Amino acid sequence: MSDDSSRIELVPATEESLEAALGGRGSLAHALQAQVPGDWPPTQYTARLVNRSLEIVRRGGAAAAFHLHFLVVDGHAHSPRTVAGVAGFNGPPLPDGTLEIGYAIVDSMQRQGLARQAVGLLVERARALPGVRCVIAYALRDVESSLHVLERNGFVQTGAGPDPGVLRFALELA
């Protein structure tokens, strides 16, 4: 089911929100002023990823702009703001103009078009960055919904990813 009427916002992770994420659902809900579903966090969103993002934010500098964002949904008047997942960049663009993105949605909020919208927002931000020529992403070969998210955003499969069963996708911007 697709619900394109949902408004999504990519909220940059801050030191406060990342520390709250480590503290559990209640802490994160308070920090982001949004409901956090019972099946939080998404499978791919590990404590290691949170700690890595926390280190990047604490260091500051240019790299801090290219990190994790919380995906917050504000769907309807009768629905509270809800943290649906995470999305972001895997560091600043490489010297060749390549920028890697990633995303993860909680199970209870999948199949609503949220991942597609999040990837679209990341691509828009990438287009606005000087020197970014290509956006890449990786998806598990067996997760059709993730493959479709990338394809619906104009990405094409360009080969194998870094791990078995992972495919590399690219979207040329230049």
C-alpha atoms as a PDB file:
ATOM      1  CA  MET A   1       0.000   0.000   0.000  1.00  0.00           C
ATOM      2  CA  SER A   2       1.339   3.426  -0.912  1.00  0.00           C
ATOM      3  CA  ASP A   3       0.408   6.516   1.053  1.00  0.00           C
ATOM      4  CA  ASP A   4       2.053   9.393  -0.772  1.00  0.00           C
ATOM      5  CA  SER A   5      -0.011  11.877   1.258  1.00  0.00           C
ATOM      6  CA  SER A   6       2.369  11.346   4.181  1.00  0.00           C
ATOM      7  CA  ARG A   7       4.802  14.188   4.642  1.00  0.00           C
ATOM      8  CA  ILE A   8       8.268  13.081   5.552  1.00  0.00           C
ATOM      9  CA  GLU A   9      11.085  15.080   6.998  1.00  0.00           C
ATOM     10  CA  LEU A  10      14.734  14.146   7.214  1.00  0.00           C
ATOM     11  CA  VAL A  11      15.787  15.431  10.620  1.00  0.00           C
ATOM     12  CA  PRO A  12      19.591  15.625  10.918  1.00  0.00           C
ATOM     13  CA  ALA A  13      20.883  13.541  13.786  1.00  0.00           C
ATOM     14  CA  THR A  14      22.379  15.669  16.540  1.00  0.00           C
ATOM     15  CA  GLU A  15      24.470  14.733  19.523  1.00  0.00           C
ATOM     16  CA  GLU A  16      21.318  14.984  21.658  1.00  0.00           C
ATOM     17  CA  SER A  17      19.142  12.819  19.387  1.00  0.00           C
ATOM     18  CA  LEU A  18      21.848  10.187  18.931  1.00  0.00           C
ATOM     19  CA  GLU A  19      22.433   9.938  22.677  1.00  0.00           C
ATOM     20  CA  ALA A  20      18.658   9.665  23.080  1.00  0.00           C
ATOM     21  CA  ALA A  21      18.579   6.861  20.505  1.00  0.00           C
ATOM     22  CA  LEU A  22      21.082   4.960  22.627  1.00  0.00           C
ATOM     23  CA  GLY A  23      18.807   5.564  25.636  1.00  0.00           C
ATOM     24  CA  GLY A  24      15.795   3.827  24.113  1.00  0.00           C
ATOM     25  CA  ARG A  25      12.466   4.588  22.471  1.00  0.00           C
ATOM     26  CA  GLY A  26      11.208   6.946  25.185  1.00  0.00           C
ATOM     27  CA  SER A  27      14.344   9.068  25.104  1.00  0.00           C
ATOM     28  CA  LEU A  28      14.277   9.247  21.316  1.00  0.00           C
ATOM     29  CA  ALA A  29      10.578  10.173  21.293  1.00  0.00           C
ATOM     30  CA  HIS A  30      11.273  13.040  23.692  1.00  0.00           C
ATOM     31  CA  ALA A  31      14.309  14.278  21.718  1.00  0.00           C
ATOM     32  CA  LEU A  32      12.497  14.252  18.366  1.00  0.00           C
ATOM     33  CA  GLN A  33       9.061  15.216  19.718  1.00  0.00           C
ATOM     34  CA  ALA A  34       7.589  12.279  17.828  1.00  0.00           C
ATOM     35  CA  GLN A  35       6.096   8.881  18.509  1.00  0.00           C
ATOM     36  CA  VAL A  36       8.521   5.961  18.179  1.00  0.00           C
ATOM     37  CA  PRO A  37       6.908   2.682  17.062  1.00  0.00           C
ATOM     38  CA  GLY A  38       7.155  -0.447  19.181  1.00  0.00           C
ATOM     39  CA  ASP A  39       9.248  -2.223  16.551  1.00  0.00           C
ATOM     40  CA  TRP A  40      11.954   0.456  16.665  1.00  0.00           C
ATOM     41  CA  PRO A  41      14.774   0.340  15.601  1.00  0.00           C
ATOM     42  CA  PRO A  42      14.924  -0.807  11.984  1.00  0.00           C
ATOM     43  CA  THR A  43      16.919  -4.016  11.560  1.00  0.00           C
ATOM     44  CA  GLN A  44      19.892  -2.301   9.896  1.00  0.00           C
ATOM     45  CA  TYR A  45      20.053   0.496  12.480  1.00  0.00           C
ATOM     46  CA  THR A  46      22.526  -0.886  14.991  1.00  0.00           C
ATOM     47  CA  ALA A  47      24.155   0.595  18.080  1.00  0.00           C
ATOM     48  CA  ARG A  48      27.408   0.534  16.095  1.00  0.00           C
ATOM     49  CA  LEU A  49      25.867   2.837  13.472  1.00  0.00           C
ATOM     50  CA  VAL A  50      24.519   5.163  16.171  1.00  0.00           C
ATOM     51  CA  ASN A  51      27.917   5.350  17.881  1.00  0.00           C
ATOM     52  CA  ARG A  52      29.668   5.968  14.547  1.00  0.00           C
ATOM     53  CA  SER A  53      27.271   8.835  13.787  1.00  0.00           C
ATOM     54  CA  LEU A  54      27.729  10.200  17.302  1.00  0.00           C
ATOM     55  CA  GLU A  55      31.508  10.296  16.807  1.00  0.00           C
ATOM     56  CA  ILE A  56      31.087  12.120  13.476  1.00  0.00           C
ATOM     57  CA  VAL A  57      28.719  14.707  14.964  1.00  0.00           C
ATOM     58  CA  ARG A  58      30.993  15.319  17.947  1.00  0.00           C
ATOM     59  CA  ARG A  59      33.997  15.881  15.664  1.00  0.00           C
ATOM     60  CA  GLY A  60      32.037  18.400  13.629  1.00  0.00           C
ATOM     61  CA  GLY A  61      33.454  19.833  10.431  1.00  0.00           C
ATOM     62  CA  ALA A  62      32.328  19.103   6.889  1.00  0.00           C
ATOM     63  CA  ALA A  63      31.814  15.370   7.550  1.00  0.00           C
ATOM     64  CA  ALA A  64      29.108  16.151  10.132  1.00  0.00           C
ATOM     65  CA  ALA A  65      26.806  17.353   7.333  1.00  0.00           C
ATOM     66  CA  PHE A  66      27.017  13.927   5.695  1.00  0.00           C
ATOM     67  CA  HIS A  67      25.630  11.560   8.259  1.00  0.00           C
ATOM     68  CA  LEU A  68      22.485  10.042   9.638  1.00  0.00           C
ATOM     69  CA  HIS A  69      19.028  11.607   9.545  1.00  0.00           C
ATOM     70  CA  PHE A  70      15.898  10.429  11.312  1.00  0.00           C
ATOM     71  CA  LEU A  71      12.952   9.910   8.988  1.00  0.00           C
ATOM     72  CA  VAL A  72       9.931  11.538  10.657  1.00  0.00           C
ATOM     73  CA  VAL A  73       6.452  11.144   9.178  1.00  0.00           C
ATOM     74  CA  ASP A  74       3.654  13.635   9.699  1.00  0.00           C
ATOM     75  CA  GLY A  75       0.900  11.879   7.796  1.00  0.00           C
ATOM     76  CA  HIS A  76      -2.472  13.265   8.769  1.00  0.00           C
ATOM     77  CA  ALA A  77      -4.218  15.413  11.333  1.00  0.00           C
ATOM     78  CA  HIS A  78      -5.273  12.295  13.266  1.00  0.00           C
ATOM     79  CA  SER A  79      -1.788  10.726  13.180  1.00  0.00           C
ATOM     80  CA  PRO A  80       1.017  11.865  15.476  1.00  0.00           C
ATOM     81  CA  ARG A  81       4.466  12.648  14.147  1.00  0.00           C
ATOM     82  CA  THR A  82       6.198   9.272  13.986  1.00  0.00           C
ATOM     83  CA  VAL A  83       9.818   8.226  13.592  1.00  0.00           C
ATOM     84  CA  ALA A  84       9.685   5.754  10.717  1.00  0.00           C
ATOM     85  CA  GLY A  85      13.363   5.059  10.154  1.00  0.00           C
ATOM     86  CA  VAL A  86      16.711   6.512   9.264  1.00  0.00           C
ATOM     87  CA  ALA A  87      18.312   7.699   6.049  1.00  0.00           C
ATOM     88  CA  GLY A  88      21.393   9.584   5.076  1.00  0.00           C
ATOM     89  CA  PHE A  89      24.777   9.762   3.485  1.00  0.00           C
ATOM     90  CA  ASN A  90      27.677   7.448   4.197  1.00  0.00           C
ATOM     91  CA  GLY A  91      30.169  10.298   4.430  1.00  0.00           C
ATOM     92  CA  PRO A  92      31.065  13.225   2.170  1.00  0.00           C
ATOM     93  CA  PRO A  93      31.363  12.813  -1.600  1.00  0.00           C
ATOM     94  CA  LEU A  94      34.436  10.975  -2.827  1.00  0.00           C
ATOM     95  CA  PRO A  95      36.960  12.895  -4.973  1.00  0.00           C
ATOM     96  CA  ASP A  96      35.360  11.401  -8.120  1.00  0.00           C
ATOM     97  CA  GLY A  97      31.992  12.959  -7.186  1.00  0.00           C
ATOM     98  CA  THR A  98      30.360   9.752  -5.882  1.00  0.00           C
ATOM     99  CA  LEU A  99      28.080  10.022  -2.863  1.00  0.00           C
ATOM    100  CA  GLU A 100      26.676   6.936  -1.096  1.00  0.00           C
ATOM    101  CA  ILE A 101      23.237   6.887   0.515  1.00  0.00           C
ATOM    102  CA  GLY A 102      21.461   4.423   2.773  1.00  0.00           C
ATOM    103  CA  TYR A 103      18.078   4.039   4.445  1.00  0.00           C
ATOM    104  CA  ALA A 104      16.143   1.744   6.770  1.00  0.00           C
ATOM    105  CA  ILE A 105      12.438   1.763   7.685  1.00  0.00           C
ATOM    106  CA  VAL A 106      10.828  -0.005  10.657  1.00  0.00           C
ATOM    107  CA  ASP A 107       8.826  -3.065   9.636  1.00  0.00           C
ATOM    108  CA  SER A 108       5.487  -1.619  10.750  1.00  0.00           C
ATOM    109  CA  MET A 109       5.845   1.372   8.407  1.00  0.00           C
ATOM    110  CA  GLN A 110       7.113  -0.365   5.299  1.00  0.00           C
ATOM    111  CA  ARG A 111       5.167  -0.509   2.035  1.00  0.00           C
ATOM    112  CA  GLN A 112       3.849   3.041   2.421  1.00  0.00           C
ATOM    113  CA  GLY A 113       6.215   4.743  -0.027  1.00  0.00           C
ATOM    114  CA  LEU A 114       8.329   6.218   2.781  1.00  0.00           C
ATOM    115  CA  ALA A 115      11.641   4.706   1.662  1.00  0.00           C
ATOM    116  CA  ARG A 116      11.000   5.895  -1.901  1.00  0.00           C
ATOM    117  CA  GLN A 117      10.292   9.413  -0.624  1.00  0.00           C
ATOM    118  CA  ALA A 118      13.357   9.391   1.635  1.00  0.00           C
ATOM    119  CA  VAL A 119      15.627   8.304  -1.215  1.00  0.00           C
ATOM    120  CA  GLY A 120      14.075  11.018  -3.387  1.00  0.00           C
ATOM    121  CA  LEU A 121      14.878  13.655  -0.752  1.00  0.00           C
ATOM    122  CA  LEU A 122      18.469  12.401  -0.437  1.00  0.00           C
ATOM    123  CA  VAL A 123      18.889  12.568  -4.215  1.00  0.00           C
ATOM    124  CA  GLU A 124      17.507  16.138  -4.243  1.00  0.00           C
ATOM    125  CA  ARG A 125      20.059  17.120  -1.610  1.00  0.00           C
ATOM    126  CA  ALA A 126      22.839  15.394  -3.555  1.00  0.00           C
ATOM    127  CA  ARG A 127      21.893  17.293  -6.739  1.00  0.00           C
ATOM    128  CA  ALA A 128      22.297  20.570  -4.840  1.00  0.00           C
ATOM    129  CA  LEU A 129      25.853  19.736  -3.745  1.00  0.00           C
ATOM    130  CA  PRO A 130      28.694  21.011  -5.913  1.00  0.00           C
ATOM    131  CA  GLY A 131      30.768  18.303  -7.530  1.00  0.00           C
ATOM    132  CA  VAL A 132      28.406  15.383  -6.871  1.00  0.00           C
ATOM    133  CA  ARG A 133      28.137  13.464 -10.121  1.00  0.00           C
ATOM    134  CA  CYS A 134      26.816  10.089  -9.002  1.00  0.00           C
ATOM    135  CA  VAL A 135      24.751   8.743  -6.109  1.00  0.00           C
ATOM    136  CA  ILE A 136      25.191   5.095  -5.184  1.00  0.00           C
ATOM    137  CA  ALA A 137      23.288   2.740  -2.897  1.00  0.00           C
ATOM    138  CA  TYR A 138      23.412  -0.931  -2.015  1.00  0.00           C
ATOM    139  CA  ALA A 139      20.507  -3.355  -1.650  1.00  0.00           C
ATOM    140  CA  LEU A 140      20.154  -7.000  -0.784  1.00  0.00           C
ATOM    141  CA  ARG A 141      19.406  -9.038  -3.902  1.00  0.00           C
ATOM    142  CA  ASP A 142      16.536 -10.858  -2.151  1.00  0.00           C
ATOM    143  CA  VAL A 143      14.718  -7.772  -0.845  1.00  0.00           C
ATOM    144  CA  GLU A 144      12.538  -6.827  -3.795  1.00  0.00           C
ATOM    145  CA  SER A 145      11.003  -3.801  -2.085  1.00  0.00           C
ATOM    146  CA  SER A 146      14.441  -2.225  -1.629  1.00  0.00           C
ATOM    147  CA  LEU A 147      15.345  -2.930  -5.253  1.00  0.00           C
ATOM    148  CA  HIS A 148      12.100  -1.261  -6.370  1.00  0.00           C
ATOM    149  CA  VAL A 149      12.734   1.790  -4.152  1.00  0.00           C
ATOM    150  CA  LEU A 150      16.014   2.424  -5.929  1.00  0.00           C
ATOM    151  CA  GLU A 151      14.680   1.662  -9.406  1.00  0.00           C
ATOM    152  CA  ARG A 152      11.665   3.958  -8.907  1.00  0.00           C
ATOM    153  CA  ASN A 153      14.114   6.746  -8.049  1.00  0.00           C
ATOM    154  CA  GLY A 154      16.042   6.233 -11.299  1.00  0.00           C
ATOM    155  CA  PHE A 155      18.908   4.095 -10.009  1.00  0.00           C
ATOM    156  CA  VAL A 156      20.254   1.321 -12.200  1.00  0.00           C
ATOM    157  CA  GLN A 157      22.016  -1.808 -11.076  1.00  0.00           C
ATOM    158  CA  THR A 158      25.731  -1.529 -11.827  1.00  0.00           C
ATOM    159  CA  GLY A 159      27.051  -4.784 -10.401  1.00  0.00           C
ATOM    160  CA  ALA A 160      27.752  -6.635  -7.206  1.00  0.00           C
ATOM    161  CA  GLY A 161      28.082  -4.897  -3.875  1.00  0.00           C
ATOM    162  CA  PRO A 162      30.787  -5.362  -1.260  1.00  0.00           C
ATOM    163  CA  ASP A 163      29.165  -8.403   0.355  1.00  0.00           C
ATOM    164  CA  PRO A 164      27.593 -11.620  -0.979  1.00  0.00           C
ATOM    165  CA  GLY A 165      23.973 -11.120  -2.019  1.00  0.00           C
ATOM    166  CA  VAL A 166      24.319  -7.320  -2.184  1.00  0.00           C
ATOM    167  CA  LEU A 167      23.835  -5.343  -5.392  1.00  0.00           C
ATOM    168  CA  ARG A 168      25.252  -1.917  -6.232  1.00  0.00           C
ATOM    169  CA  PHE A 169      22.980   0.713  -7.751  1.00  0.00           C
ATOM    170  CA  ALA A 170      23.937   4.084  -9.217  1.00  0.00           C
ATOM    171  CA  LEU A 171      22.203   7.252 -10.344  1.00  0.00           C
ATOM    172  CA  GLU A 172      24.265   9.510 -12.593  1.00  0.00           C
ATOM    173  CA  LEU A 173      23.555  13.186 -11.936  1.00  0.00           C
ATOM    174  CA  ALA A 174      25.940  14.814 -14.401  1.00  0.00           C
END
